[in-house]
Every structure is written in structure tokens, then in C-alpha cells.
Amino acid sequence: MLKKFKHFFILYLKQFQEKNQKKIERNKKKEIQIIVQQWIRRLHITFGWTHGLGKIVVDYVMFYFLSFHVMKKIYLLLLPACTIFMLDQFCSSSKLINTLTGHTNWVHSIDYLAFDDQQIICSASQDNTVRVWDIDNNKQIEFNRYSKCVACVKFSSYHYHNRQHVICSSSDDKVIRFWNFKSNIQLQTFNGHTNCVGEIKFSSFNGGRYLCSGSYDKTIRLWDVETSRSLHVFNGHEAG
């Protein structure tokens, strides 16, 4: 069967040939449809600009930044370099609050979390490391068990809702990893991609239980973090 989702997906789901598996497949299909529909609904709310404006931003803005309004009004500025800058506002009169140094190659990804009255940043770099920064105490933890460039890192929304200190990273080594950033212990890995995993994103519903990953193998994969299951592979892209 074929199900259309406006603007985003045409989702094909294979049906099992065996009769005793048809019910399982229908339940699985319904679960995936619900997950994707929720994600699309949240994206329509989150994205406040049109496709045309988004293209202008991507084509002409030569830096990336994230803004947070949690404990302080802080802007994190990520240039194509090895340093993360913290600004009090994003304009010509910005005041530099802090500079986080330590990476020895380009920083590809940053994320922010306020946890137990602490402000924490995680970063992924071309130097094959992930770093977790305690902003208030200027301390950092280095995760250096990667053999290749780390493309993306996020604080795990699912573990955060369960009061656990966990980050999730994706790398050129094709693997998605979960780490306890307090104990520096690797918790679980997701395997399945056949090329660099360039981006990961937790669902903004169901307590961050679902993870979406995009890879240079031209596929998008949907994962259940709670069960460590791969739910579905989205094919159709012609390039990574």
C-alpha cells in the first residue's frame, strides 16, 4: 500500500507474504505513520520561513549559529574553524561572553542543554572527537574513541526525559553512538548506514523516543531509541 504525506514523504512499506505476519506488519505500518505525521506537524509549526528564504540563508550566510534563552540570553556562534564563541546578542554590538577552545580541527556541530542548574554544550569535530563543556565551570570532557570525523552530536532528548546524562553522536564511521557524558561510558550503538551519518534529530514528541538519521548512503533511517530498533529506511534520494 502507499500512503502520501503532504510536502514531505511518500512512504512505501513492504508487506510480509506470510499470512501470520500480516497483522504484525499492519501494526508496524500504523506506528511509523503516526511517528512521521507527528514529525511533519511539528516541522510545519517550527519552520517560520518559506522554502525560498531558507535557500537564501543557506546560500549566503557563511556561518552557523544557535540561540538559546534558558538561563541567560546566549548565542553560540560556530564558524568553519576550531573555536566556539558565546555572544550576549546577535548584532554588530555583540559582547563576547566566552570562548571555548580545545578542538584541533573544524567544529561541525554543537548542541546546548540546561541540566540540574548546569549549562552544558556538546560539540563534534573533524578532529575525531566529541567534547562536552560545562559552561559555568569552564570544564570539558573529551570523547576520543572515534576513528573518523564526528559529523553531528545532540543531547539525547529521550534520556533527558528519564533524568540521564546522555549524548548521541554520528560519524564518518557509519555508526550512531550513545554516551553517558558523566561516566564517559558508551551505552548503545545503531548500525545500518553504509556511509557517513551526517545528521541526527530526536523527535519533539513522545519524550524524544524516536531518532531520525540522514546519511551519505542516500537514505534516512527512523530508530526507536527505547528498544534500539530500526523502524524504517526511507529511500529515494539520488545523492547523500
Protein backbone atom coordinates (compact mmCIF):
# COMPACT_ATOMS: atom_id res chain seq x y z
CA MET A 1 0.00 0.00 0.00
CA LEU A 2 1.05 3.60 -0.48
CA LYS A 3 0.50 6.49 1.88
CA LYS A 4 1.05 10.15 0.95
CA PHE A 5 2.19 12.74 3.44
CA LYS A 6 1.76 16.31 2.20
CA HIS A 7 5.01 18.05 1.15
CA PHE A 8 7.40 15.50 2.60
CA PHE A 9 7.11 11.79 2.25
CA ILE A 10 5.67 9.07 0.10
CA LEU A 11 6.15 6.11 2.30
CA TYR A 12 6.29 2.60 0.88
CA LEU A 13 6.02 -0.26 3.31
CA LYS A 14 6.63 -3.84 2.28
CA GLN A 15 4.05 -6.36 3.37
CA PHE A 16 5.04 -9.78 4.56
CA GLN A 17 3.87 -12.55 2.29
CA GLU A 18 3.12 -14.95 5.12
CA LYS A 19 -0.44 -14.66 6.38
CA ASN A 20 0.52 -14.96 10.03
CA GLN A 21 2.75 -11.88 9.71
CA LYS A 22 0.19 -9.54 8.13
CA LYS A 23 -1.16 -8.29 11.45
CA ILE A 24 2.35 -7.50 12.72
CA GLU A 25 3.10 -5.59 9.53
CA ARG A 26 -0.12 -3.55 9.76
CA ASN A 27 0.71 -2.57 13.34
CA LYS A 28 4.24 -1.60 12.35
CA LYS A 29 2.95 0.49 9.43
CA LYS A 30 0.49 2.32 11.66
CA GLU A 31 3.25 3.05 14.20
CA ILE A 32 5.55 4.52 11.55
CA GLN A 33 2.73 6.60 10.03
CA ILE A 34 1.92 8.10 13.42
CA ILE A 35 5.59 8.94 14.06
CA VAL A 36 6.09 10.59 10.66
CA GLN A 37 2.82 12.52 10.86
CA GLN A 38 3.76 13.89 14.28
CA TRP A 39 7.19 14.92 12.98
CA ILE A 40 5.74 16.72 9.96
CA ARG A 41 3.19 18.55 12.10
CA ARG A 42 5.92 19.81 14.41
CA LEU A 43 8.10 20.87 11.47
CA HIS A 44 5.30 22.98 9.99
CA ILE A 45 5.00 24.77 13.33
CA THR A 46 8.76 25.12 13.90
CA PHE A 47 9.82 26.46 10.48
CA GLY A 48 8.73 30.07 10.32
CA TRP A 49 10.15 30.82 6.89
CA THR A 50 9.34 29.80 3.33
CA HIS A 51 11.45 27.47 1.21
CA GLY A 52 12.77 30.45 -0.77
CA LEU A 53 14.01 32.28 2.31
CA GLY A 54 15.60 29.10 3.62
CA LYS A 55 17.55 28.76 0.37
CA ILE A 56 18.83 32.34 0.63
CA VAL A 57 20.03 31.72 4.19
CA VAL A 58 21.85 28.54 3.18
CA ASP A 59 23.43 30.09 0.06
CA TYR A 60 24.68 33.37 1.51
CA VAL A 61 25.21 33.06 5.26
CA MET A 62 28.72 31.71 5.73
CA PHE A 63 28.41 30.81 9.41
CA TYR A 64 26.05 28.88 11.61
CA PHE A 65 24.56 29.89 14.93
CA LEU A 66 22.18 28.61 17.55
CA SER A 67 20.38 30.82 20.05
CA PHE A 68 19.19 29.81 23.48
CA HIS A 69 17.04 31.65 26.02
CA VAL A 70 17.18 29.38 29.03
CA MET A 71 19.22 30.74 31.94
CA LYS A 72 20.84 33.59 30.03
CA LYS A 73 20.38 35.10 26.61
CA ILE A 74 23.31 33.47 24.88
CA TYR A 75 24.12 32.99 21.22
CA LEU A 76 26.53 30.28 20.19
CA LEU A 77 28.41 31.08 17.01
CA LEU A 78 30.02 28.23 15.08
CA LEU A 79 32.39 29.38 12.36
CA PRO A 80 34.14 26.98 9.96
CA ALA A 81 37.03 26.83 12.42
CA CYS A 82 38.07 25.18 15.70
CA THR A 83 36.50 27.63 18.15
CA ILE A 84 33.04 28.14 19.63
CA PHE A 85 32.11 31.73 20.54
CA MET A 86 29.41 32.75 23.03
CA LEU A 87 27.73 36.12 22.50
CA ASP A 88 25.15 38.02 24.55
CA GLN A 89 23.23 39.09 21.44
CA PHE A 90 23.46 38.61 17.70
CA CYS A 91 24.23 42.03 16.23
CA SER A 92 27.15 44.35 15.48
CA SER A 93 27.44 45.45 19.12
CA SER A 94 27.57 41.90 20.49
CA LYS A 95 29.62 41.27 23.61
CA LEU A 96 31.83 38.18 23.68
CA ILE A 97 30.96 36.22 26.83
CA ASN A 98 33.22 33.21 26.46
CA THR A 99 35.38 31.30 24.00
CA LEU A 100 35.57 27.52 24.09
CA THR A 101 38.83 26.13 22.71
CA GLY A 102 40.21 22.62 22.56
CA HIS A 103 39.27 21.17 19.20
CA THR A 104 42.16 20.92 16.73
CA ASN A 105 40.07 20.89 13.55
CA TRP A 106 36.74 22.19 12.28
CA VAL A 107 33.75 22.03 14.62
CA HIS A 108 30.81 20.62 12.67
CA SER A 109 28.02 20.53 15.26
CA ILE A 110 27.04 21.98 18.64
CA ASP A 111 24.12 21.47 21.00
CA TYR A 112 23.03 23.04 24.29
CA LEU A 113 21.37 21.69 27.44
CA ALA A 114 20.40 23.06 30.84
CA PHE A 115 20.53 20.14 33.29
CA ASP A 116 20.42 20.29 37.11
CA ASP A 117 21.11 24.06 37.04
CA GLN A 118 24.14 23.49 34.81
CA GLN A 119 24.61 24.89 31.32
CA ILE A 120 26.26 22.32 29.08
CA ILE A 121 27.38 22.37 25.46
CA CYS A 122 28.44 19.40 23.37
CA SER A 123 30.44 19.69 20.15
CA ALA A 124 31.51 17.36 17.33
CA SER A 125 34.63 17.95 15.28
CA GLN A 126 36.73 16.98 12.29
CA ASP A 127 39.45 16.10 14.83
CA ASN A 128 37.62 12.78 15.53
CA THR A 129 36.40 13.87 18.97
CA VAL A 130 33.25 14.87 20.79
CA ARG A 131 33.59 17.32 23.67
CA VAL A 132 31.15 18.18 26.45
CA TRP A 133 31.64 21.61 28.01
CA ASP A 134 30.48 22.78 31.44
CA ILE A 135 29.98 26.47 30.64
CA ASP A 136 29.74 27.67 34.23
CA ASN A 137 32.99 26.00 35.34
CA ASN A 138 34.89 26.07 32.03
CA LYS A 139 35.47 22.32 32.23
CA GLN A 140 35.39 19.86 29.35
CA ILE A 141 35.19 16.11 28.81
CA GLU A 142 36.74 14.63 25.68
CA PHE A 143 35.37 11.54 23.92
CA ASN A 144 38.13 10.34 21.61
CA ARG A 145 37.15 6.79 20.69
CA TYR A 146 36.38 7.64 17.10
CA SER A 147 38.43 6.53 14.12
CA LYS A 148 36.96 9.17 11.80
CA CYS A 149 35.40 12.65 11.75
CA VAL A 150 32.37 13.17 14.00
CA ALA A 151 29.68 14.86 11.92
CA CYS A 152 26.88 15.56 14.42
CA VAL A 153 26.18 15.47 18.15
CA LYS A 154 22.97 16.02 20.15
CA PHE A 155 21.90 15.69 23.74
CA SER A 156 19.56 12.70 23.87
CA SER A 157 16.04 14.01 24.44
CA TYR A 158 14.83 10.54 25.38
CA HIS A 159 17.43 10.08 28.12
CA TYR A 160 16.99 13.67 29.31
CA HIS A 161 13.31 13.00 30.00
CA ASN A 162 14.45 9.97 32.00
CA ARG A 163 16.94 12.08 34.01
CA GLN A 164 20.01 10.54 32.37
CA HIS A 165 23.14 12.33 31.14
CA VAL A 166 23.44 11.07 27.57
CA ILE A 167 24.67 12.45 24.25
CA CYS A 168 24.18 10.94 20.81
CA SER A 169 26.74 11.26 18.02
CA SER A 170 27.04 10.28 14.38
CA SER A 171 30.26 9.85 12.46
CA ASP A 172 32.04 9.10 9.22
CA ASP A 173 32.45 5.56 10.59
CA LYS A 174 28.73 4.96 9.73
CA VAL A 175 27.75 4.38 13.38
CA ILE A 176 25.40 6.26 15.74
CA ARG A 177 26.61 6.14 19.35
CA PHE A 178 25.09 6.98 22.72
CA TRP A 179 27.39 8.06 25.58
CA ASN A 180 26.87 8.77 29.26
CA PHE A 181 28.76 12.05 29.43
CA LYS A 182 29.15 11.88 33.21
CA SER A 183 30.84 8.47 33.29
CA ASN A 184 32.33 8.54 29.75
CA ILE A 185 30.77 5.14 29.03
CA GLN A 186 29.35 4.10 25.66
CA LEU A 187 25.79 2.84 26.13
CA GLN A 188 24.49 1.64 22.78
CA THR A 189 25.19 1.83 19.05
CA PHE A 190 22.94 1.94 16.00
CA ASN A 191 24.33 0.23 12.91
CA GLY A 192 22.82 0.07 9.45
CA HIS A 193 24.03 3.02 7.41
CA THR A 194 26.67 2.23 4.79
CA ASN A 195 28.26 5.69 4.64
CA CYS A 196 28.86 8.74 6.83
CA VAL A 197 25.89 9.68 9.05
CA GLY A 198 25.78 13.43 8.62
CA GLU A 199 22.78 14.42 10.72
CA ILE A 200 20.65 13.13 13.60
CA LYS A 201 17.44 14.54 15.08
CA PHE A 202 15.32 13.46 18.04
CA SER A 203 11.54 13.63 17.85
CA SER A 204 9.91 16.54 19.68
CA PHE A 205 7.06 14.23 20.75
CA ASN A 206 6.86 11.01 22.82
CA GLY A 207 9.68 12.26 25.04
CA GLY A 208 12.26 12.13 22.25
CA ARG A 209 11.83 8.39 21.85
CA TYR A 210 12.40 8.41 18.07
CA LEU A 211 15.61 9.31 16.26
CA CYS A 212 15.91 10.23 12.60
CA SER A 213 19.30 9.93 10.87
CA GLY A 214 20.45 11.14 7.45
CA SER A 215 23.42 9.61 5.67
CA TYR A 216 25.62 9.94 2.61
CA ASP A 217 24.37 6.47 1.68
CA LYS A 218 21.30 8.36 0.32
CA THR A 219 18.93 7.02 2.98
CA ILE A 220 17.09 8.34 6.02
CA ARG A 221 16.55 5.90 8.88
CA LEU A 222 13.99 6.02 11.67
CA TRP A 223 15.00 4.46 15.01
CA ASP A 224 13.25 3.61 18.26
CA VAL A 225 15.68 4.71 20.98
CA GLU A 226 13.87 2.82 23.73
CA THR A 227 14.12 -0.56 22.01
CA SER A 228 17.20 0.17 19.82
CA ARG A 229 15.16 -0.96 16.80
CA SER A 230 15.46 0.35 13.26
CA LEU A 231 11.84 1.08 12.33
CA HIS A 232 12.15 2.02 8.68
CA VAL A 233 14.55 3.05 5.92
CA PHE A 234 13.47 5.90 3.62
CA ASN A 235 14.93 5.53 0.12
CA GLY A 236 14.63 7.83 -2.87
CA HIS A 237 17.39 10.43 -2.59
CA GLU A 238 19.80 10.49 -5.54
CA ALA A 239 22.72 11.90 -3.56
CA GLY A 240 23.98 11.93 0.00
